[in-house]
Amino acid sequence: MGKIRISFALLLALIFTAAVFGDIPYPISLASAFLIHEGGHIIAARALGVPLQSIRGGFCGIRMKYDFSCVKPKYEIAVCMAGSFAGMFAAAIGLLIGLAYTEGGVYFIVSSSALSAVNMLPVRGLDGGSILMCILEASLLPDTAWKISKRISTVTSILFWIVSIWIQLKVGINLSMLILSLYFLYLSAYES
């Protein structure tokens, strides 16, 4: 676990140093937000003794699968929440040290905050969907929990899609939000 903590701290230090001495290019800001988010999951899983089964990269980021069968449900919730907490913590530190005064720093703060917020939505396949399922399984039969989770995920995805369409019409083109809303609809329909 020491290596991961050092790497995570080093990544934060490099991001903030680069931001203070010059603007961070946008792709690096976004990649840093993703790495910090996933680093939060890894650190929490290691600290709680949750084994990592696999890591896959994909179109919408990195997907890590953990073996939660050997730990308490509250540990699963903690690991799922840790990514968003790490992102929000990094954004808050960025604000405190003045990253908001650099263009790349603002982009990092916004990217990290948005990634954290979106991942907490109760959509299947996202951290928020996993948290919802864990909470529902604690008090309901698995089939009932799955059906309720799927309905909440679908409603959330449809609402997100409606908001993205509204933004397209009222504010202007934001293809990333529209693509994300379609991805959420896909996750709601096909994620098990």
N, C-alpha and C. Protein backbone atom coordinates (compact mmCIF):
# COMPACT_ATOMS: atom_id res chain seq x y z
N MET A 1 0.83 -1.19 0.00
CA MET A 1 0.00 0.00 0.00
C MET A 1 0.87 1.25 0.00
N GLY A 2 2.07 1.19 0.55
CA GLY A 2 2.94 2.34 0.60
C GLY A 2 3.24 2.92 -0.77
N LYS A 3 3.50 2.04 -1.74
CA LYS A 3 3.79 2.48 -3.10
C LYS A 3 2.63 3.28 -3.69
N ILE A 4 1.42 2.78 -3.49
CA ILE A 4 0.25 3.46 -4.04
C ILE A 4 0.07 4.83 -3.40
N ARG A 5 0.22 4.91 -2.10
CA ARG A 5 0.08 6.20 -1.42
C ARG A 5 1.13 7.19 -1.92
N ILE A 6 2.36 6.73 -2.06
CA ILE A 6 3.42 7.61 -2.54
C ILE A 6 3.12 8.06 -3.97
N SER A 7 2.69 7.15 -4.83
CA SER A 7 2.37 7.51 -6.21
C SER A 7 1.22 8.51 -6.25
N PHE A 8 0.21 8.30 -5.44
CA PHE A 8 -0.94 9.20 -5.39
C PHE A 8 -0.51 10.58 -4.92
N ALA A 9 0.28 10.64 -3.86
CA ALA A 9 0.76 11.92 -3.34
C ALA A 9 1.67 12.60 -4.36
N LEU A 10 2.52 11.83 -5.03
CA LEU A 10 3.40 12.38 -6.05
C LEU A 10 2.59 12.95 -7.21
N LEU A 11 1.56 12.23 -7.63
CA LEU A 11 0.70 12.72 -8.72
C LEU A 11 0.05 14.04 -8.33
N LEU A 12 -0.48 14.13 -7.11
CA LEU A 12 -1.08 15.38 -6.64
C LEU A 12 -0.04 16.50 -6.64
N ALA A 13 1.14 16.21 -6.14
CA ALA A 13 2.19 17.23 -6.08
C ALA A 13 2.58 17.71 -7.48
N LEU A 14 2.72 16.79 -8.42
CA LEU A 14 3.07 17.17 -9.79
C LEU A 14 1.99 18.03 -10.44
N ILE A 15 0.74 17.67 -10.22
CA ILE A 15 -0.37 18.44 -10.79
C ILE A 15 -0.36 19.87 -10.25
N PHE A 16 -0.25 19.99 -8.94
CA PHE A 16 -0.30 21.32 -8.34
C PHE A 16 0.93 22.15 -8.69
N THR A 17 2.10 21.52 -8.75
CA THR A 17 3.31 22.23 -9.13
C THR A 17 3.20 22.75 -10.57
N ALA A 18 2.75 21.89 -11.47
CA ALA A 18 2.59 22.30 -12.87
C ALA A 18 1.57 23.42 -12.99
N ALA A 19 0.53 23.35 -12.19
CA ALA A 19 -0.52 24.37 -12.28
C ALA A 19 -0.03 25.72 -11.74
N VAL A 20 0.78 25.68 -10.70
CA VAL A 20 1.28 26.93 -10.13
C VAL A 20 2.26 27.61 -11.08
N PHE A 21 3.11 26.83 -11.75
CA PHE A 21 4.14 27.41 -12.62
C PHE A 21 3.72 27.54 -14.07
N GLY A 22 2.53 27.16 -14.41
CA GLY A 22 2.03 27.30 -15.77
C GLY A 22 0.78 26.47 -15.95
N ASP A 23 0.05 26.78 -16.97
CA ASP A 23 -1.20 26.08 -17.20
C ASP A 23 -0.97 24.62 -17.57
N ILE A 24 -1.82 23.77 -16.99
CA ILE A 24 -1.79 22.35 -17.33
C ILE A 24 -2.62 22.19 -18.60
N PRO A 25 -2.09 21.53 -19.61
CA PRO A 25 -2.91 21.28 -20.79
C PRO A 25 -4.17 20.50 -20.43
N TYR A 26 -5.25 20.76 -21.14
CA TYR A 26 -6.54 20.17 -20.82
C TYR A 26 -6.53 18.65 -20.73
N PRO A 27 -5.94 17.94 -21.69
CA PRO A 27 -5.96 16.47 -21.57
C PRO A 27 -5.26 15.98 -20.31
N ILE A 28 -4.19 16.64 -19.91
CA ILE A 28 -3.49 16.23 -18.69
C ILE A 28 -4.36 16.50 -17.47
N SER A 29 -5.09 17.61 -17.48
CA SER A 29 -5.99 17.92 -16.37
C SER A 29 -7.06 16.85 -16.23
N LEU A 30 -7.65 16.47 -17.33
CA LEU A 30 -8.71 15.46 -17.31
C LEU A 30 -8.14 14.10 -16.91
N ALA A 31 -7.01 13.72 -17.47
CA ALA A 31 -6.38 12.45 -17.11
C ALA A 31 -6.00 12.43 -15.63
N SER A 32 -5.54 13.55 -15.12
CA SER A 32 -5.19 13.63 -13.70
C SER A 32 -6.42 13.44 -12.83
N ALA A 33 -7.54 14.04 -13.22
CA ALA A 33 -8.78 13.87 -12.46
C ALA A 33 -9.19 12.40 -12.44
N PHE A 34 -9.07 11.70 -13.59
CA PHE A 34 -9.40 10.28 -13.64
C PHE A 34 -8.46 9.46 -12.76
N LEU A 35 -7.17 9.75 -12.83
CA LEU A 35 -6.20 8.98 -12.04
C LEU A 35 -6.40 9.19 -10.54
N ILE A 36 -6.72 10.40 -10.15
CA ILE A 36 -6.96 10.68 -8.73
C ILE A 36 -8.21 9.94 -8.27
N HIS A 37 -9.25 9.95 -9.10
CA HIS A 37 -10.48 9.25 -8.76
C HIS A 37 -10.21 7.75 -8.56
N GLU A 38 -9.55 7.14 -9.52
CA GLU A 38 -9.27 5.71 -9.43
C GLU A 38 -8.27 5.41 -8.31
N GLY A 39 -7.33 6.33 -8.08
CA GLY A 39 -6.40 6.17 -6.96
C GLY A 39 -7.11 6.12 -5.63
N GLY A 40 -8.18 6.92 -5.50
CA GLY A 40 -8.98 6.88 -4.27
C GLY A 40 -9.59 5.51 -4.03
N HIS A 41 -10.09 4.89 -5.09
CA HIS A 41 -10.65 3.54 -4.97
C HIS A 41 -9.58 2.54 -4.54
N ILE A 42 -8.42 2.63 -5.19
CA ILE A 42 -7.34 1.68 -4.91
C ILE A 42 -6.86 1.80 -3.48
N ILE A 43 -6.66 3.02 -3.02
CA ILE A 43 -6.18 3.23 -1.65
C ILE A 43 -7.19 2.71 -0.63
N ALA A 44 -8.48 3.02 -0.84
CA ALA A 44 -9.51 2.55 0.09
C ALA A 44 -9.59 1.02 0.09
N ALA A 45 -9.53 0.42 -1.08
CA ALA A 45 -9.61 -1.05 -1.16
C ALA A 45 -8.43 -1.69 -0.44
N ARG A 46 -7.25 -1.16 -0.66
CA ARG A 46 -6.06 -1.71 0.01
C ARG A 46 -6.16 -1.53 1.52
N ALA A 47 -6.59 -0.35 1.96
CA ALA A 47 -6.68 -0.07 3.39
C ALA A 47 -7.71 -0.98 4.08
N LEU A 48 -8.77 -1.34 3.36
CA LEU A 48 -9.82 -2.17 3.94
C LEU A 48 -9.64 -3.65 3.65
N GLY A 49 -8.57 -4.01 2.94
CA GLY A 49 -8.29 -5.41 2.66
C GLY A 49 -9.19 -6.04 1.61
N VAL A 50 -9.68 -5.22 0.67
CA VAL A 50 -10.54 -5.73 -0.39
C VAL A 50 -9.67 -6.08 -1.59
N PRO A 51 -9.67 -7.36 -2.00
CA PRO A 51 -8.81 -7.76 -3.12
C PRO A 51 -9.30 -7.24 -4.47
N LEU A 52 -8.36 -6.82 -5.29
CA LEU A 52 -8.66 -6.37 -6.65
C LEU A 52 -8.64 -7.60 -7.56
N GLN A 53 -9.74 -7.80 -8.31
CA GLN A 53 -9.81 -8.96 -9.21
C GLN A 53 -9.29 -8.63 -10.60
N SER A 54 -9.70 -7.47 -11.14
CA SER A 54 -9.27 -7.12 -12.50
C SER A 54 -9.37 -5.63 -12.72
N ILE A 55 -8.59 -5.15 -13.71
CA ILE A 55 -8.64 -3.76 -14.15
C ILE A 55 -8.82 -3.79 -15.66
N ARG A 56 -9.79 -3.00 -16.14
CA ARG A 56 -10.02 -2.89 -17.59
C ARG A 56 -10.11 -1.42 -17.95
N GLY A 57 -9.49 -1.06 -19.04
CA GLY A 57 -9.63 0.28 -19.59
C GLY A 57 -10.71 0.26 -20.65
N GLY A 58 -11.39 1.36 -20.80
CA GLY A 58 -12.44 1.41 -21.80
C GLY A 58 -12.70 2.82 -22.27
N PHE A 59 -13.74 2.96 -23.06
CA PHE A 59 -14.12 4.23 -23.65
C PHE A 59 -14.37 5.31 -22.60
N CYS A 60 -15.00 4.94 -21.51
CA CYS A 60 -15.37 5.92 -20.49
C CYS A 60 -14.50 5.86 -19.24
N GLY A 61 -13.33 5.30 -19.34
CA GLY A 61 -12.42 5.31 -18.20
C GLY A 61 -11.95 3.93 -17.81
N ILE A 62 -11.52 3.83 -16.58
CA ILE A 62 -10.97 2.60 -16.04
C ILE A 62 -12.04 1.93 -15.19
N ARG A 63 -12.14 0.63 -15.35
CA ARG A 63 -13.12 -0.12 -14.55
C ARG A 63 -12.36 -1.17 -13.75
N MET A 64 -12.47 -1.05 -12.43
CA MET A 64 -11.80 -1.99 -11.54
C MET A 64 -12.85 -2.87 -10.88
N LYS A 65 -12.57 -4.15 -10.82
CA LYS A 65 -13.50 -5.08 -10.19
C LYS A 65 -12.84 -5.63 -8.93
N TYR A 66 -13.55 -5.49 -7.81
CA TYR A 66 -13.05 -5.95 -6.52
C TYR A 66 -13.86 -7.16 -6.06
N ASP A 67 -13.25 -7.97 -5.19
CA ASP A 67 -13.94 -9.10 -4.60
C ASP A 67 -14.49 -8.67 -3.24
N PHE A 68 -15.76 -8.27 -3.25
CA PHE A 68 -16.39 -7.81 -2.02
C PHE A 68 -17.04 -8.95 -1.24
N SER A 69 -16.92 -10.17 -1.73
CA SER A 69 -17.57 -11.31 -1.07
C SER A 69 -16.97 -11.61 0.31
N CYS A 70 -15.76 -11.17 0.54
CA CYS A 70 -15.08 -11.50 1.80
C CYS A 70 -15.08 -10.33 2.80
N VAL A 71 -15.80 -9.26 2.51
CA VAL A 71 -15.81 -8.10 3.41
C VAL A 71 -17.24 -7.66 3.70
N LYS A 72 -17.37 -6.79 4.68
CA LYS A 72 -18.69 -6.27 5.06
C LYS A 72 -19.21 -5.32 3.98
N PRO A 73 -20.54 -5.22 3.84
CA PRO A 73 -21.11 -4.31 2.83
C PRO A 73 -20.67 -2.85 3.00
N LYS A 74 -20.43 -2.43 4.24
CA LYS A 74 -20.01 -1.03 4.44
C LYS A 74 -18.64 -0.77 3.82
N TYR A 75 -17.81 -1.82 3.69
CA TYR A 75 -16.52 -1.65 3.03
C TYR A 75 -16.71 -1.44 1.54
N GLU A 76 -17.68 -2.13 0.96
CA GLU A 76 -17.97 -1.93 -0.46
C GLU A 76 -18.42 -0.49 -0.71
N ILE A 77 -19.28 0.01 0.16
CA ILE A 77 -19.74 1.39 0.03
C ILE A 77 -18.56 2.35 0.17
N ALA A 78 -17.69 2.09 1.14
CA ALA A 78 -16.53 2.97 1.35
C ALA A 78 -15.61 2.99 0.13
N VAL A 79 -15.35 1.84 -0.46
CA VAL A 79 -14.49 1.77 -1.64
C VAL A 79 -15.14 2.52 -2.81
N CYS A 80 -16.45 2.34 -2.98
CA CYS A 80 -17.16 3.02 -4.07
C CYS A 80 -17.15 4.54 -3.88
N MET A 81 -17.27 4.99 -2.65
CA MET A 81 -17.30 6.44 -2.38
C MET A 81 -15.91 7.07 -2.42
N ALA A 82 -14.88 6.27 -2.21
CA ALA A 82 -13.52 6.81 -2.08
C ALA A 82 -13.04 7.55 -3.33
N GLY A 83 -13.42 7.08 -4.51
CA GLY A 83 -12.99 7.76 -5.73
C GLY A 83 -13.52 9.18 -5.81
N SER A 84 -14.81 9.34 -5.52
CA SER A 84 -15.40 10.69 -5.56
C SER A 84 -14.85 11.57 -4.44
N PHE A 85 -14.63 10.98 -3.27
CA PHE A 85 -14.05 11.78 -2.19
C PHE A 85 -12.64 12.24 -2.54
N ALA A 86 -11.85 11.37 -3.17
CA ALA A 86 -10.49 11.75 -3.58
C ALA A 86 -10.54 12.88 -4.60
N GLY A 87 -11.47 12.79 -5.56
CA GLY A 87 -11.61 13.84 -6.56
C GLY A 87 -12.04 15.17 -5.97
N MET A 88 -13.01 15.13 -5.06
CA MET A 88 -13.47 16.37 -4.42
C MET A 88 -12.39 16.96 -3.51
N PHE A 89 -11.64 16.09 -2.85
CA PHE A 89 -10.54 16.54 -2.00
C PHE A 89 -9.48 17.23 -2.85
N ALA A 90 -9.13 16.63 -3.98
CA ALA A 90 -8.13 17.23 -4.87
C ALA A 90 -8.62 18.57 -5.42
N ALA A 91 -9.90 18.65 -5.76
CA ALA A 91 -10.46 19.92 -6.26
C ALA A 91 -10.44 20.98 -5.16
N ALA A 92 -10.77 20.59 -3.94
CA ALA A 92 -10.75 21.54 -2.81
C ALA A 92 -9.34 22.04 -2.53
N ILE A 93 -8.36 21.13 -2.56
CA ILE A 93 -6.96 21.53 -2.37
C ILE A 93 -6.56 22.48 -3.50
N GLY A 94 -6.98 22.15 -4.72
CA GLY A 94 -6.68 23.03 -5.86
C GLY A 94 -7.23 24.43 -5.65
N LEU A 95 -8.43 24.53 -5.13
CA LEU A 95 -9.01 25.85 -4.84
C LEU A 95 -8.22 26.57 -3.75
N LEU A 96 -7.86 25.82 -2.71
CA LEU A 96 -7.13 26.43 -1.59
C LEU A 96 -5.76 26.96 -1.98
N ILE A 97 -5.08 26.27 -2.89
CA ILE A 97 -3.73 26.73 -3.26
C ILE A 97 -3.73 27.66 -4.47
N GLY A 98 -4.91 27.99 -4.97
CA GLY A 98 -4.99 28.99 -6.03
C GLY A 98 -4.97 28.48 -7.45
N LEU A 99 -5.28 27.22 -7.67
CA LEU A 99 -5.31 26.71 -9.04
C LEU A 99 -6.38 27.40 -9.89
N ALA A 100 -7.36 27.97 -9.23
CA ALA A 100 -8.45 28.62 -9.97
C ALA A 100 -7.96 29.85 -10.74
N TYR A 101 -6.74 30.28 -10.49
CA TYR A 101 -6.20 31.44 -11.20
C TYR A 101 -5.46 31.07 -12.48
N THR A 102 -5.36 29.78 -12.76
CA THR A 102 -4.74 29.35 -14.00
C THR A 102 -5.79 28.63 -14.84
N GLU A 103 -5.67 28.74 -16.15
CA GLU A 103 -6.67 28.14 -17.03
C GLU A 103 -6.70 26.62 -16.88
N GLY A 104 -5.54 25.99 -16.89
CA GLY A 104 -5.47 24.54 -16.72
C GLY A 104 -5.93 24.11 -15.34
N GLY A 105 -5.64 24.93 -14.34
CA GLY A 105 -6.06 24.63 -12.97
C GLY A 105 -7.57 24.66 -12.83
N VAL A 106 -8.21 25.64 -13.44
CA VAL A 106 -9.68 25.70 -13.42
C VAL A 106 -10.25 24.46 -14.09
N TYR A 107 -9.67 24.08 -15.22
CA TYR A 107 -10.14 22.90 -15.93
C TYR A 107 -9.99 21.65 -15.07
N PHE A 108 -8.87 21.54 -14.34
CA PHE A 108 -8.67 20.40 -13.45
C PHE A 108 -9.72 20.40 -12.34
N ILE A 109 -9.95 21.54 -11.71
CA ILE A 109 -10.92 21.63 -10.62
C ILE A 109 -12.32 21.25 -11.10
N VAL A 110 -12.70 21.80 -12.25
CA VAL A 110 -14.03 21.50 -12.80
C VAL A 110 -14.11 20.02 -13.20
N SER A 111 -13.08 19.51 -13.87
CA SER A 111 -13.09 18.11 -14.30
C SER A 111 -13.17 17.16 -13.11
N SER A 112 -12.39 17.43 -12.11
CA SER A 112 -12.36 16.56 -10.94
C SER A 112 -13.69 16.61 -10.19
N SER A 113 -14.25 17.81 -10.04
CA SER A 113 -15.54 17.96 -9.35
C SER A 113 -16.66 17.29 -10.13
N ALA A 114 -16.70 17.52 -11.45
CA ALA A 114 -17.75 16.93 -12.29
C ALA A 114 -17.64 15.41 -12.31
N LEU A 115 -16.44 14.88 -12.45
CA LEU A 115 -16.24 13.44 -12.45
C LEU A 115 -16.73 12.84 -11.13
N SER A 116 -16.43 13.50 -10.03
CA SER A 116 -16.86 13.00 -8.72
C SER A 116 -18.37 13.03 -8.59
N ALA A 117 -18.99 14.13 -9.00
CA ALA A 117 -20.44 14.26 -8.89
C ALA A 117 -21.17 13.26 -9.78
N VAL A 118 -20.74 13.16 -11.02
CA VAL A 118 -21.40 12.26 -11.98
C VAL A 118 -21.27 10.81 -11.52
N ASN A 119 -20.11 10.44 -10.99
CA ASN A 119 -19.93 9.06 -10.55
C ASN A 119 -20.80 8.68 -9.36
N MET A 120 -21.33 9.65 -8.66
CA MET A 120 -22.20 9.35 -7.52
C MET A 120 -23.67 9.24 -7.92
N LEU A 121 -23.98 9.45 -9.20
CA LEU A 121 -25.36 9.26 -9.65
C LEU A 121 -25.75 7.79 -9.50
N PRO A 122 -27.01 7.52 -9.13
CA PRO A 122 -27.43 6.12 -8.94
C PRO A 122 -27.71 5.41 -10.26
N VAL A 123 -26.71 5.35 -11.11
CA VAL A 123 -26.81 4.68 -12.41
C VAL A 123 -25.98 3.41 -12.34
N ARG A 124 -26.57 2.32 -12.79
CA ARG A 124 -25.87 1.03 -12.79
C ARG A 124 -24.56 1.16 -13.57
N GLY A 125 -23.49 0.62 -13.03
CA GLY A 125 -22.19 0.71 -13.67
C GLY A 125 -21.35 1.86 -13.15
N LEU A 126 -21.97 2.79 -12.43
CA LEU A 126 -21.24 3.89 -11.81
C LEU A 126 -21.12 3.61 -10.31
N ASP A 127 -20.28 4.37 -9.62
CA ASP A 127 -20.11 4.17 -8.18
C ASP A 127 -21.42 4.35 -7.43
N GLY A 128 -22.18 5.36 -7.79
CA GLY A 128 -23.46 5.61 -7.12
C GLY A 128 -24.44 4.46 -7.30
N GLY A 129 -24.44 3.83 -8.47
CA GLY A 129 -25.29 2.67 -8.70
C GLY A 129 -24.88 1.48 -7.85
N SER A 130 -23.57 1.30 -7.67
CA SER A 130 -23.07 0.22 -6.82
C SER A 130 -23.43 0.46 -5.36
N ILE A 131 -23.34 1.71 -4.93
CA ILE A 131 -23.70 2.06 -3.55
C ILE A 131 -25.19 1.81 -3.32
N LEU A 132 -26.01 2.26 -4.27
CA LEU A 132 -27.46 2.04 -4.15
C LEU A 132 -27.76 0.55 -4.05
N MET A 133 -27.16 -0.25 -4.90
CA MET A 133 -27.41 -1.69 -4.90
C MET A 133 -26.99 -2.31 -3.57
N CYS A 134 -25.88 -1.88 -3.04
CA CYS A 134 -25.39 -2.40 -1.77
C CYS A 134 -26.37 -2.07 -0.64
N ILE A 135 -26.88 -0.85 -0.62
CA ILE A 135 -27.83 -0.43 0.40
C ILE A 135 -29.14 -1.22 0.26
N LEU A 136 -29.62 -1.38 -0.96
CA LEU A 136 -30.86 -2.11 -1.17
C LEU A 136 -30.72 -3.59 -0.80
N GLU A 137 -29.59 -4.20 -1.12
CA GLU A 137 -29.37 -5.61 -0.80
C GLU A 137 -29.29 -5.86 0.70
N ALA A 138 -28.97 -4.82 1.47
CA ALA A 138 -28.88 -4.98 2.92
C ALA A 138 -30.25 -5.20 3.55
N SER A 139 -31.31 -4.74 2.88
CA SER A 139 -32.63 -4.86 3.50
C SER A 139 -33.68 -5.56 2.63
N LEU A 140 -33.33 -5.91 1.40
CA LEU A 140 -34.29 -6.53 0.49
C LEU A 140 -33.71 -7.83 -0.08
N LEU A 141 -34.59 -8.63 -0.65
CA LEU A 141 -34.13 -9.82 -1.37
C LEU A 141 -33.35 -9.37 -2.60
N PRO A 142 -32.36 -10.15 -3.03
CA PRO A 142 -31.53 -9.74 -4.17
C PRO A 142 -32.32 -9.39 -5.44
N ASP A 143 -33.34 -10.19 -5.78
CA ASP A 143 -34.12 -9.89 -6.99
C ASP A 143 -34.87 -8.57 -6.88
N THR A 144 -35.43 -8.32 -5.72
CA THR A 144 -36.17 -7.07 -5.49
C THR A 144 -35.20 -5.89 -5.53
N ALA A 145 -34.06 -6.04 -4.89
CA ALA A 145 -33.05 -4.98 -4.89
C ALA A 145 -32.60 -4.68 -6.31
N TRP A 146 -32.39 -5.73 -7.11
CA TRP A 146 -31.95 -5.55 -8.50
C TRP A 146 -33.00 -4.79 -9.31
N LYS A 147 -34.29 -5.16 -9.16
CA LYS A 147 -35.37 -4.50 -9.91
C LYS A 147 -35.48 -3.02 -9.54
N ILE A 148 -35.42 -2.73 -8.25
CA ILE A 148 -35.52 -1.33 -7.79
C ILE A 148 -34.31 -0.54 -8.29
N SER A 149 -33.12 -1.12 -8.17
CA SER A 149 -31.90 -0.47 -8.65
C SER A 149 -31.99 -0.17 -10.13
N LYS A 150 -32.48 -1.11 -10.91
CA LYS A 150 -32.60 -0.93 -12.36
C LYS A 150 -33.59 0.20 -12.68
N ARG A 151 -34.69 0.26 -11.96
CA ARG A 151 -35.68 1.33 -12.20
C ARG A 151 -35.10 2.71 -11.85
N ILE A 152 -34.45 2.80 -10.72
CA ILE A 152 -33.85 4.07 -10.31
C ILE A 152 -32.78 4.48 -11.32
N SER A 153 -31.98 3.54 -11.75
CA SER A 153 -30.95 3.82 -12.74
C SER A 153 -31.55 4.32 -14.05
N THR A 154 -32.61 3.68 -14.49
CA THR A 154 -33.26 4.07 -15.74
C THR A 154 -33.86 5.47 -15.63
N VAL A 155 -34.55 5.75 -14.53
CA VAL A 155 -35.15 7.07 -14.34
C VAL A 155 -34.06 8.15 -14.28
N THR A 156 -32.99 7.88 -13.54
CA THR A 156 -31.88 8.84 -13.45
C THR A 156 -31.27 9.08 -14.82
N SER A 157 -31.07 8.02 -15.59
CA SER A 157 -30.48 8.15 -16.93
C SER A 157 -31.38 8.96 -17.86
N ILE A 158 -32.68 8.71 -17.80
CA ILE A 158 -33.62 9.47 -18.63
C ILE A 158 -33.62 10.94 -18.24
N LEU A 159 -33.62 11.22 -16.93
CA LEU A 159 -33.58 12.62 -16.48
C LEU A 159 -32.28 13.30 -16.92
N PHE A 160 -31.16 12.59 -16.83
CA PHE A 160 -29.88 13.14 -17.27
C PHE A 160 -29.92 13.43 -18.77
N TRP A 161 -30.53 12.53 -19.54
CA TRP A 161 -30.67 12.72 -20.98
C TRP A 161 -31.54 13.96 -21.27
N ILE A 162 -32.64 14.12 -20.55
CA ILE A 162 -33.53 15.28 -20.74
C ILE A 162 -32.77 16.57 -20.45
N VAL A 163 -32.02 16.58 -19.35
CA VAL A 163 -31.23 17.77 -19.00
C VAL A 163 -30.19 18.05 -20.09
N SER A 164 -29.55 17.01 -20.62
CA SER A 164 -28.55 17.23 -21.66
C SER A 164 -29.19 17.78 -22.93
N ILE A 165 -30.38 17.32 -23.28
CA ILE A 165 -31.09 17.87 -24.44
C ILE A 165 -31.45 19.33 -24.19
N TRP A 166 -31.93 19.62 -22.98
CA TRP A 166 -32.29 21.00 -22.63
C TRP A 166 -31.07 21.91 -22.75
N ILE A 167 -29.92 21.42 -22.27
CA ILE A 167 -28.69 22.22 -22.37
C ILE A 167 -28.32 22.44 -23.83
N GLN A 168 -28.49 21.41 -24.67
CA GLN A 168 -28.20 21.56 -26.10
C GLN A 168 -29.05 22.69 -26.70
N LEU A 169 -30.32 22.74 -26.32
CA LEU A 169 -31.24 23.71 -26.89
C LEU A 169 -31.09 25.11 -26.31
N LYS A 170 -30.85 25.21 -25.02
CA LYS A 170 -30.83 26.51 -24.34
C LYS A 170 -29.46 27.15 -24.24
N VAL A 171 -28.46 26.35 -23.98
CA VAL A 171 -27.13 26.89 -23.71
C VAL A 171 -26.21 26.77 -24.92
N GLY A 172 -26.29 25.68 -25.60
CA GLY A 172 -25.43 25.45 -26.75
C GLY A 172 -24.96 24.02 -26.79
N ILE A 173 -24.25 23.71 -27.81
CA ILE A 173 -23.80 22.34 -28.04
C ILE A 173 -22.84 21.90 -26.95
N ASN A 174 -23.14 20.76 -26.35
CA ASN A 174 -22.28 20.11 -25.38
C ASN A 174 -22.34 18.62 -25.67
N LEU A 175 -21.60 18.20 -26.68
CA LEU A 175 -21.67 16.81 -27.12
C LEU A 175 -21.22 15.83 -26.04
N SER A 176 -20.29 16.24 -25.19
CA SER A 176 -19.81 15.30 -24.17
C SER A 176 -20.95 14.93 -23.22
N MET A 177 -21.77 15.89 -22.84
CA MET A 177 -22.88 15.59 -21.93
C MET A 177 -23.93 14.73 -22.63
N LEU A 178 -24.19 15.00 -23.90
CA LEU A 178 -25.15 14.20 -24.65
C LEU A 178 -24.66 12.76 -24.81
N ILE A 179 -23.39 12.59 -25.14
CA ILE A 179 -22.81 11.24 -25.26
C ILE A 179 -22.86 10.52 -23.92
N LEU A 180 -22.54 11.25 -22.84
CA LEU A 180 -22.58 10.66 -21.51
C LEU A 180 -24.00 10.22 -21.16
N SER A 181 -24.99 11.02 -21.52
CA SER A 181 -26.37 10.64 -21.22
C SER A 181 -26.77 9.38 -21.98
N LEU A 182 -26.33 9.25 -23.20
CA LEU A 182 -26.61 8.03 -23.98
C LEU A 182 -25.89 6.82 -23.38
N TYR A 183 -24.68 7.05 -22.90
CA TYR A 183 -23.94 5.97 -22.24
C TYR A 183 -24.67 5.52 -20.97
N PHE A 184 -25.22 6.47 -20.21
CA PHE A 184 -25.98 6.12 -19.01
C PHE A 184 -27.21 5.29 -19.36
N LEU A 185 -27.89 5.66 -20.44
CA LEU A 185 -29.04 4.88 -20.89
C LEU A 185 -28.62 3.45 -21.25
N TYR A 186 -27.47 3.34 -21.91
CA TYR A 186 -26.93 2.02 -22.24
C TYR A 186 -26.64 1.22 -20.96
N LEU A 187 -25.96 1.85 -20.00
CA LEU A 187 -25.65 1.17 -18.75
C LEU A 187 -26.91 0.71 -18.04
N SER A 188 -27.92 1.56 -18.01
CA SER A 188 -29.17 1.22 -17.34
C SER A 188 -29.85 0.03 -17.98
N ALA A 189 -29.73 -0.06 -19.29
CA ALA A 189 -30.39 -1.15 -20.02
C ALA A 189 -29.61 -2.46 -19.96
N TYR A 190 -28.27 -2.39 -19.98
CA TYR A 190 -27.49 -3.61 -20.16
C TYR A 190 -26.58 -4.00 -19.02
N GLU A 191 -26.33 -3.12 -18.08
CA GLU A 191 -25.42 -3.44 -16.97
C GLU A 191 -26.11 -4.40 -16.01
N SER A 192 -25.42 -5.45 -15.65
CA SER A 192 -26.01 -6.42 -14.70
C SER A 192 -25.50 -6.21 -13.30
